[in-house]
Amino acid sequence: MQPLANVTPLNPLSRAGAIEVRNVSQVFKTATQDVVALSDVSLEVKPGHFVVLVGPSGCGKSTLLMMMAGLQRPGSGTIRINGTPIEKPDPNRVGVVFQEASLFPWLTAEDNVEFPLALRGMPKAERRAKAEEALKLVGLEGFGKRHPHELSGGMKQRVSIARGLVQDPPVLLMDEPFAALDEQTRMTMGDELLRIWAATGKTVVFVTHSLTEAVYLADEVVVMSPRPGRIVDTLQVQLPRPRTYDMLSGDTFGALRERIWRHIRKSA
């Protein structure tokens, strides 16, 4: 697979995206009790920044991400995308990439990428051109006619990312998209994602359990507490870009990773 280079952004206006979360709480009611998933969470993601959410399992990272996507409503508080509340899914403002690629097995890669455009009634020729552009952006030029069973795990996730990008939303939300991949593929996909992000200027919020992945990818790492999820620390990652594997053994990288781990260990 050739690395991405000299890729033209899909839309230079993509840098307009920004996220504001203000005093958000969420309670899930069960038959026996009320479960407080999030408590008074506030954060701001600057336009064009890459922010990573980390925290122990069950701390509400994915819940927060789904509320940013408009797939869940906060119990209280507000979430704004581009200055406007997000109350339902809005692919013009927010794209989502899930942990599982969730591709339709009977559709080709390009048909899977086209699918959200087809739902909106876009003409076939126009959506095919956009799908081809998105597949090229994620390094899958020439693979559009392949079906999911003909693709590796990493390639399936590239198709999923292309589908999240094809409507050119300014904000891209990613819920542990590389969790099911082996370590080598995961590192390769991290590099590819950073190249895509640099080429498109998207605002990215990325959920992971991997502390190494968090520091390697992020401009900023937001650390959450155990349930009820709260923000307990925010780290500015001052490592230069482009990131390189040599940084993983550096003192700065190690200190940042250790700072995150202290919070996770304290909460265990």
Protein backbone atom coordinates (compact mmCIF):
# COMPACT_ATOMS: atom_id res chain seq x y z
CA MET A 1 0.00 0.00 0.00
CA GLN A 2 1.53 3.33 -1.01
CA PRO A 3 1.60 6.10 1.64
CA LEU A 4 -0.52 9.14 0.99
CA ALA A 5 1.33 12.23 -0.17
CA ASN A 6 0.52 15.55 -1.83
CA VAL A 7 -3.22 14.94 -1.49
CA THR A 8 -5.50 17.86 -2.28
CA PRO A 9 -8.00 18.55 0.54
CA LEU A 10 -11.56 17.60 -0.31
CA ASN A 11 -12.72 21.02 0.80
CA PRO A 12 -10.54 23.84 2.19
CA LEU A 13 -13.54 25.04 4.21
CA SER A 14 -13.24 21.87 6.31
CA ARG A 15 -11.17 23.81 8.83
CA ALA A 16 -14.31 25.66 9.91
CA GLY A 17 -15.28 22.77 12.21
CA ALA A 18 -15.18 23.10 16.00
CA ILE A 19 -16.87 21.38 18.95
CA GLU A 20 -18.12 22.92 22.18
CA VAL A 21 -19.34 20.69 25.01
CA ARG A 22 -20.84 22.58 27.95
CA ASN A 23 -21.83 21.01 31.28
CA VAL A 24 -22.99 17.76 29.72
CA SER A 25 -24.34 14.98 31.94
CA GLN A 26 -26.01 11.71 31.02
CA VAL A 27 -28.02 9.25 33.13
CA PHE A 28 -29.20 5.87 31.85
CA LYS A 29 -32.24 4.45 33.60
CA THR A 30 -32.42 0.69 34.19
CA ALA A 31 -35.05 -1.47 35.85
CA THR A 32 -33.19 -1.35 39.17
CA GLN A 33 -31.22 1.90 39.23
CA ASP A 34 -30.13 5.07 37.48
CA VAL A 35 -26.60 4.85 36.05
CA VAL A 36 -24.77 8.17 35.83
CA ALA A 37 -22.56 7.81 32.74
CA LEU A 38 -21.27 11.39 32.48
CA SER A 39 -21.22 14.22 34.99
CA ASP A 40 -20.75 17.89 34.10
CA VAL A 41 -18.35 17.42 31.18
CA SER A 42 -17.11 20.53 29.39
CA LEU A 43 -14.50 20.77 26.66
CA GLU A 44 -13.72 22.68 23.50
CA VAL A 45 -12.07 21.23 20.40
CA LYS A 46 -10.40 23.87 18.27
CA PRO A 47 -10.93 23.92 14.50
CA GLY A 48 -8.60 21.54 12.68
CA HIS A 49 -7.24 19.95 15.88
CA PHE A 50 -6.80 16.26 16.61
CA VAL A 51 -8.13 15.45 20.09
CA VAL A 52 -8.02 12.00 21.70
CA LEU A 53 -10.29 10.83 24.54
CA VAL A 54 -8.87 8.20 26.90
CA GLY A 55 -10.04 6.71 30.17
CA PRO A 56 -10.95 3.43 31.85
CA SER A 57 -13.58 1.16 30.34
CA GLY A 58 -17.11 2.36 31.07
CA CYS A 59 -16.11 5.97 31.69
CA GLY A 60 -18.44 7.35 29.00
CA LYS A 61 -15.96 8.09 26.20
CA SER A 62 -18.11 6.49 23.51
CA THR A 63 -21.29 7.94 25.00
CA LEU A 64 -19.80 11.42 24.75
CA LEU A 65 -18.72 10.75 21.17
CA MET A 66 -22.20 9.53 20.19
CA MET A 67 -23.72 12.70 21.65
CA MET A 68 -21.27 14.79 19.61
CA ALA A 69 -22.52 12.86 16.58
CA GLY A 70 -26.16 13.60 17.39
CA LEU A 71 -26.87 9.88 17.83
CA GLN A 72 -27.76 10.40 21.51
CA ARG A 73 -29.18 13.40 23.32
CA PRO A 74 -27.45 14.66 26.49
CA GLY A 75 -29.46 14.42 29.68
CA SER A 76 -28.40 17.99 30.42
CA GLY A 77 -25.99 20.52 28.98
CA THR A 78 -25.31 21.48 25.36
CA ILE A 79 -23.11 20.34 22.49
CA ARG A 80 -22.46 22.65 19.55
CA ILE A 81 -20.82 21.89 16.23
CA ASN A 82 -19.80 24.97 14.24
CA GLY A 83 -21.68 27.09 16.77
CA THR A 84 -25.01 25.28 16.30
CA PRO A 85 -26.51 22.63 18.62
CA ILE A 86 -26.28 19.06 17.35
CA GLU A 87 -29.63 17.42 18.09
CA LYS A 88 -29.68 14.67 15.47
CA PRO A 89 -27.21 13.12 13.00
CA ASP A 90 -26.02 15.73 10.51
CA PRO A 91 -23.59 14.33 7.92
CA ASN A 92 -22.98 17.82 6.56
CA ARG A 93 -21.29 18.67 9.85
CA VAL A 94 -20.19 15.38 11.42
CA GLY A 95 -18.85 12.09 10.05
CA VAL A 96 -18.53 9.01 12.27
CA VAL A 97 -16.19 6.00 12.02
CA PHE A 98 -17.05 3.14 14.36
CA GLN A 99 -14.94 0.37 15.89
CA GLU A 100 -16.30 -2.15 13.39
CA ALA A 101 -16.08 -1.28 9.70
CA SER A 102 -19.75 -2.37 9.30
CA LEU A 103 -19.57 -2.63 5.52
CA PHE A 104 -22.38 -4.18 3.50
CA PRO A 105 -20.86 -7.48 2.31
CA TRP A 106 -22.85 -7.55 -0.93
CA LEU A 107 -21.61 -4.10 -2.00
CA THR A 108 -18.21 -3.23 -3.45
CA ALA A 109 -15.89 -0.83 -1.65
CA GLU A 110 -16.98 2.07 -3.85
CA ASP A 111 -20.65 1.18 -3.42
CA ASN A 112 -20.18 1.12 0.37
CA VAL A 113 -18.57 4.56 0.25
CA GLU A 114 -21.31 5.86 -2.04
CA PHE A 115 -24.11 4.53 0.16
CA PRO A 116 -24.75 7.67 2.28
CA LEU A 117 -24.72 9.78 -0.90
CA ALA A 118 -27.23 7.44 -2.54
CA LEU A 119 -29.53 7.85 0.47
CA ARG A 120 -29.50 11.58 -0.20
CA GLY A 121 -30.45 11.08 -3.84
CA MET A 122 -27.17 12.28 -5.34
CA PRO A 123 -26.86 11.39 -9.05
CA LYS A 124 -24.88 8.22 -9.75
CA ALA A 125 -22.05 9.87 -11.69
CA GLU A 126 -21.49 12.52 -9.03
CA ARG A 127 -21.44 10.11 -6.13
CA ARG A 128 -19.14 7.70 -7.99
CA ALA A 129 -16.66 10.54 -8.55
CA LYS A 130 -16.79 11.47 -4.85
CA ALA A 131 -16.35 7.83 -3.80
CA GLU A 132 -13.33 7.41 -6.07
CA GLU A 133 -11.81 10.60 -4.65
CA ALA A 134 -12.38 9.43 -1.07
CA LEU A 135 -10.91 5.97 -1.78
CA LYS A 136 -7.87 7.59 -3.34
CA LEU A 137 -7.49 9.78 -0.28
CA VAL A 138 -7.34 6.74 2.03
CA GLY A 139 -4.86 4.89 -0.20
CA LEU A 140 -7.32 2.50 -1.87
CA GLU A 141 -7.20 3.72 -5.44
CA GLY A 142 -7.85 0.71 -7.67
CA PHE A 143 -9.67 -1.28 -4.96
CA GLY A 144 -13.14 0.16 -5.53
CA LYS A 145 -14.49 -2.98 -7.23
CA ARG A 146 -13.43 -5.28 -4.39
CA HIS A 147 -15.98 -6.67 -1.96
CA PRO A 148 -15.31 -6.62 1.81
CA HIS A 149 -14.31 -10.31 1.91
CA GLU A 150 -11.52 -9.48 -0.56
CA LEU A 151 -10.03 -6.80 1.73
CA SER A 152 -7.79 -7.04 4.78
CA GLY A 153 -8.92 -5.68 8.15
CA GLY A 154 -6.93 -2.50 7.67
CA MET A 155 -8.33 -2.00 4.18
CA LYS A 156 -11.88 -2.42 5.46
CA GLN A 157 -11.25 0.31 8.00
CA ARG A 158 -9.90 2.54 5.22
CA VAL A 159 -13.18 2.02 3.36
CA SER A 160 -15.03 2.93 6.56
CA ILE A 161 -12.95 6.10 6.90
CA ALA A 162 -13.60 6.94 3.24
CA ARG A 163 -17.33 6.56 3.89
CA GLY A 164 -17.01 8.95 6.85
CA LEU A 165 -15.17 11.46 4.67
CA VAL A 166 -17.18 11.24 1.45
CA GLN A 167 -19.77 13.84 2.49
CA ASP A 168 -16.87 16.12 3.49
CA PRO A 169 -18.00 17.00 7.04
CA PRO A 170 -15.74 19.44 8.90
CA VAL A 171 -15.76 17.16 11.98
CA LEU A 172 -14.78 13.47 12.04
CA LEU A 173 -15.54 11.37 15.14
CA MET A 174 -13.77 8.02 15.52
CA ASP A 175 -14.72 5.42 18.14
CA GLU A 176 -11.74 3.06 18.59
CA PRO A 177 -11.51 2.43 14.84
CA PHE A 178 -8.29 0.41 15.04
CA ALA A 179 -9.02 -1.64 18.17
CA ALA A 180 -9.55 -4.93 16.29
CA LEU A 181 -6.35 -4.65 14.24
CA ASP A 182 -2.99 -6.24 15.01
CA GLU A 183 -0.31 -3.92 16.38
CA GLN A 184 1.63 -3.53 13.14
CA THR A 185 -1.49 -2.72 11.10
CA ARG A 186 -2.69 -0.41 13.85
CA MET A 187 0.50 1.66 13.74
CA THR A 188 0.35 1.82 9.94
CA MET A 189 -3.27 2.95 10.07
CA GLY A 190 -2.36 5.61 12.62
CA ASP A 191 0.18 7.05 10.22
CA GLU A 192 -2.30 6.92 7.35
CA LEU A 193 -4.92 8.67 9.46
CA LEU A 194 -2.49 11.46 10.31
CA ARG A 195 -1.73 11.95 6.61
CA ILE A 196 -5.45 12.07 5.79
CA TRP A 197 -6.03 14.54 8.63
CA ALA A 198 -3.18 16.76 7.44
CA ALA A 199 -4.52 16.67 3.88
CA THR A 200 -8.13 17.48 4.78
CA GLY A 201 -7.85 19.78 7.79
CA LYS A 202 -10.70 18.00 9.58
CA THR A 203 -11.42 18.48 13.26
CA VAL A 204 -10.95 14.96 14.69
CA VAL A 205 -12.07 13.47 18.01
CA PHE A 206 -10.70 9.95 18.46
CA VAL A 207 -11.51 7.48 21.26
CA THR A 208 -8.92 4.86 22.24
CA HIS A 209 -7.76 2.71 25.14
CA SER A 210 -4.17 2.74 23.87
CA LEU A 211 -2.07 5.36 25.65
CA THR A 212 0.69 5.07 23.06
CA GLU A 213 -1.79 5.62 20.24
CA ALA A 214 -3.28 8.59 22.09
CA VAL A 215 0.02 10.44 22.47
CA TYR A 216 1.23 9.52 18.99
CA LEU A 217 -1.84 10.90 17.24
CA ALA A 218 -3.03 13.82 19.30
CA ASP A 219 -2.60 17.55 19.54
CA GLU A 220 -4.43 17.20 22.85
CA VAL A 221 -5.30 14.20 25.04
CA VAL A 222 -8.38 14.46 27.27
CA VAL A 223 -8.31 12.02 30.20
CA MET A 224 -11.59 10.89 31.75
CA SER A 225 -12.34 9.40 35.17
CA PRO A 226 -14.24 6.18 35.90
CA ARG A 227 -18.03 6.37 35.80
CA PRO A 228 -19.49 8.87 36.22
CA GLY A 229 -17.14 10.18 33.55
CA ARG A 230 -15.51 13.52 34.22
CA ILE A 231 -12.49 15.20 32.67
CA VAL A 232 -9.57 14.87 35.08
CA ASP A 233 -6.70 16.11 32.90
CA THR A 234 -5.97 17.66 29.51
CA LEU A 235 -2.51 17.22 28.01
CA GLN A 236 -1.09 19.36 25.22
CA VAL A 237 1.13 17.14 23.07
CA GLN A 238 3.98 19.37 21.93
CA LEU A 239 5.72 16.75 19.81
CA PRO A 240 6.53 18.03 16.32
CA ARG A 241 4.67 16.89 13.24
CA PRO A 242 4.93 14.76 11.24
CA ARG A 243 5.16 12.20 14.01
CA THR A 244 7.78 9.45 13.73
CA TYR A 245 8.25 6.11 15.46
CA ASP A 246 11.54 7.39 16.95
CA MET A 247 9.47 9.68 19.18
CA LEU A 248 8.00 6.67 21.00
CA SER A 249 11.29 6.10 22.83
CA GLY A 250 11.85 9.78 23.66
CA ASP A 251 11.62 11.33 27.13
CA THR A 252 8.78 13.68 26.19
CA PHE A 253 6.65 10.86 24.81
CA GLY A 254 7.34 8.72 27.86
CA ALA A 255 6.48 11.51 30.30
CA LEU A 256 3.16 12.19 28.59
CA ARG A 257 2.24 8.52 28.52
CA GLU A 258 3.19 8.12 32.19
CA ARG A 259 1.06 11.14 33.16
CA ILE A 260 -1.98 9.56 31.50
CA TRP A 261 -1.23 6.17 33.05
CA ARG A 262 -1.06 7.69 36.55
CA HIS A 263 -4.65 8.84 36.17
CA ILE A 264 -5.81 5.47 34.81
CA ARG A 265 -3.93 3.56 37.54
CA LYS A 266 -5.30 5.81 40.26
CA SER A 267 -8.84 5.04 39.09
CA ALA A 268 -8.35 1.25 38.92
